[in-house]
Protein backbone atom coordinates (compact mmCIF):
# COMPACT_ATOMS: atom_id res chain seq x y z
CA UNK A 1 11.00 -16.24 -12.93
CA UNK A 2 9.58 -14.36 -9.93
CA UNK A 3 6.36 -12.43 -10.29
CA UNK A 4 6.78 -8.73 -11.13
CA UNK A 5 4.97 -6.31 -8.86
CA UNK A 6 5.26 -2.55 -8.74
CA UNK A 7 8.13 -1.30 -6.60
CA UNK A 8 6.75 -1.44 -3.06
CA UNK A 9 7.77 2.00 -1.88
CA UNK A 10 6.61 3.31 1.48
CA UNK A 11 3.98 5.59 -0.14
CA UNK A 12 2.62 2.73 -2.26
CA UNK A 13 2.45 0.43 0.76
CA UNK A 14 0.66 3.15 2.78
CA UNK A 15 -1.97 3.62 0.06
CA UNK A 16 -2.49 -0.13 -0.31
CA UNK A 17 -2.79 -0.61 3.46
CA UNK A 18 -5.37 2.19 3.67
CA UNK A 19 -7.37 0.72 0.80
CA UNK A 20 -7.18 -2.79 2.28
CA UNK A 21 -8.44 -1.49 5.63
CA UNK A 22 -11.42 0.33 4.10
CA UNK A 23 -14.82 -1.26 4.50
CA UNK A 24 -17.47 -1.55 1.81
CA UNK A 25 -19.73 0.61 4.02
CA UNK A 26 -17.16 3.42 4.17
CA UNK A 27 -15.28 3.57 0.86
CA UNK A 28 -12.20 5.77 0.66
CA UNK A 29 -12.07 8.85 -1.53
CA UNK A 30 -8.89 10.49 -2.78
CA UNK A 31 -8.42 13.28 -0.24
CA UNK A 32 -9.31 10.90 2.58
CA UNK A 33 -6.48 8.65 1.38
CA UNK A 34 -4.17 11.66 1.57
CA UNK A 35 -5.25 12.20 5.20
CA UNK A 36 -4.98 8.52 6.15
CA UNK A 37 -1.53 8.10 4.64
CA UNK A 38 -0.17 11.57 5.47
CA UNK A 39 0.83 11.90 1.80
CA UNK A 40 0.14 14.71 -0.62
CA UNK A 41 -2.24 14.51 -3.53
CA UNK A 42 0.73 14.70 -5.91
CA UNK A 43 1.84 11.35 -4.50
CA UNK A 44 -1.49 9.61 -3.87
CA UNK A 45 -3.23 10.24 -7.19
CA UNK A 46 -0.38 8.98 -9.40
CA UNK A 47 -0.22 5.85 -7.22
CA UNK A 48 -3.96 5.33 -7.67
CA UNK A 49 -3.60 5.75 -11.45
CA UNK A 50 -0.81 3.15 -11.60
CA UNK A 51 -2.80 0.72 -9.44
CA UNK A 52 -5.85 1.20 -11.69
CA UNK A 53 -3.71 0.44 -14.77
CA UNK A 54 -2.61 -2.81 -13.09
CA UNK A 55 -6.23 -3.70 -12.30
CA UNK A 56 -5.57 -3.56 -8.56
CA UNK A 57 -7.93 -0.61 -7.92
CA UNK A 58 -11.20 0.56 -9.35
CA UNK A 59 -13.16 3.69 -8.64
CA UNK A 60 -16.67 5.06 -8.74
CA UNK A 61 -18.00 8.58 -8.56
CA UNK A 62 -20.27 9.68 -5.76
CA UNK A 63 -23.91 9.66 -6.81
CA UNK A 64 -25.59 13.02 -7.23
CA UNK A 65 -24.07 16.44 -6.77
CA UNK A 66 -23.51 17.37 -3.11
CA UNK A 67 -23.98 21.00 -2.22
CA UNK A 68 -20.91 23.00 -1.32
CA UNK A 69 -18.25 20.60 -2.64
CA UNK A 70 -17.31 18.60 -5.72
CA UNK A 71 -18.35 14.98 -6.09
CA UNK A 72 -15.98 12.47 -4.55
CA UNK A 73 -14.32 9.64 -6.39
CA UNK A 74 -14.26 6.50 -4.26
CA UNK A 75 -11.49 3.91 -4.59
CA UNK A 76 -11.39 0.26 -3.63
CA UNK A 77 -9.06 -2.68 -4.09
CA UNK A 78 -10.31 -5.18 -6.63
CA UNK A 79 -10.20 -8.92 -5.97
CA UNK A 80 -7.05 -9.07 -8.08
CA UNK A 81 -5.62 -6.15 -6.12
CA UNK A 82 -6.23 -7.82 -2.77
CA UNK A 83 -4.66 -11.06 -3.98
CA UNK A 84 -1.65 -9.39 -5.60
CA UNK A 85 -1.09 -7.10 -2.61
CA UNK A 86 -1.17 -10.05 -0.22
CA UNK A 87 1.30 -11.99 -2.39
CA UNK A 88 3.60 -8.97 -2.87
CA UNK A 89 3.56 -8.23 0.86
CA UNK A 90 4.34 -11.87 1.71
CA UNK A 91 7.18 -11.98 -0.85
CA UNK A 92 8.60 -8.73 0.53
CA UNK A 93 8.52 -10.07 4.08
CA UNK A 94 10.20 -13.32 2.97
CA UNK A 95 12.97 -11.31 1.30
CA UNK A 96 13.41 -9.19 4.43
CA UNK A 97 13.69 -12.33 6.58
CA UNK A 98 16.30 -13.79 4.20
CA UNK A 99 18.30 -10.56 4.19
CA UNK A 100 18.27 -10.18 7.95
CA UNK A 101 19.22 -13.85 8.30
CA UNK A 102 22.35 -13.34 6.19
CA UNK A 103 24.05 -11.24 8.85
CA UNK A 104 23.39 -12.89 12.21
CA UNK A 105 23.99 -10.78 15.26
CA UNK A 106 26.81 -11.92 17.55
CA UNK A 107 25.86 -14.04 20.54
CA UNK A 108 25.19 -12.09 23.72
CA UNK A 109 28.15 -13.75 25.49
CA UNK A 110 30.61 -12.72 22.73
CA UNK A 111 32.69 -10.03 24.43
CA UNK A 112 35.70 -10.03 22.12
CA UNK A 113 37.28 -6.61 21.91
CA UNK A 114 35.22 -5.15 24.74
CA UNK A 115 38.05 -4.89 27.27
């Protein structure tokens, strides 16, 4: 039986790509993820909650209380998250290659019906 991953919607893939690209020196906080993915908070935060439930993401709060703004919550992919995301992405690409291979395009010299 194939492994079961969350449905890899475009918003989910965008959030995972942004998290995977983040460095340990510059962790990603929620509103920054919204900016990076061009998605609203009503999309990003539920995705982050689902990924946390799966163990793919963990978060930490910013230390101290900055002046003039609320504390930020930083998100990062866990080791499990990186592994599962890589496997899910590879499986998705393999499926896409199979699907596109099922309907080959006609050869370039096939001119039937073009007269």
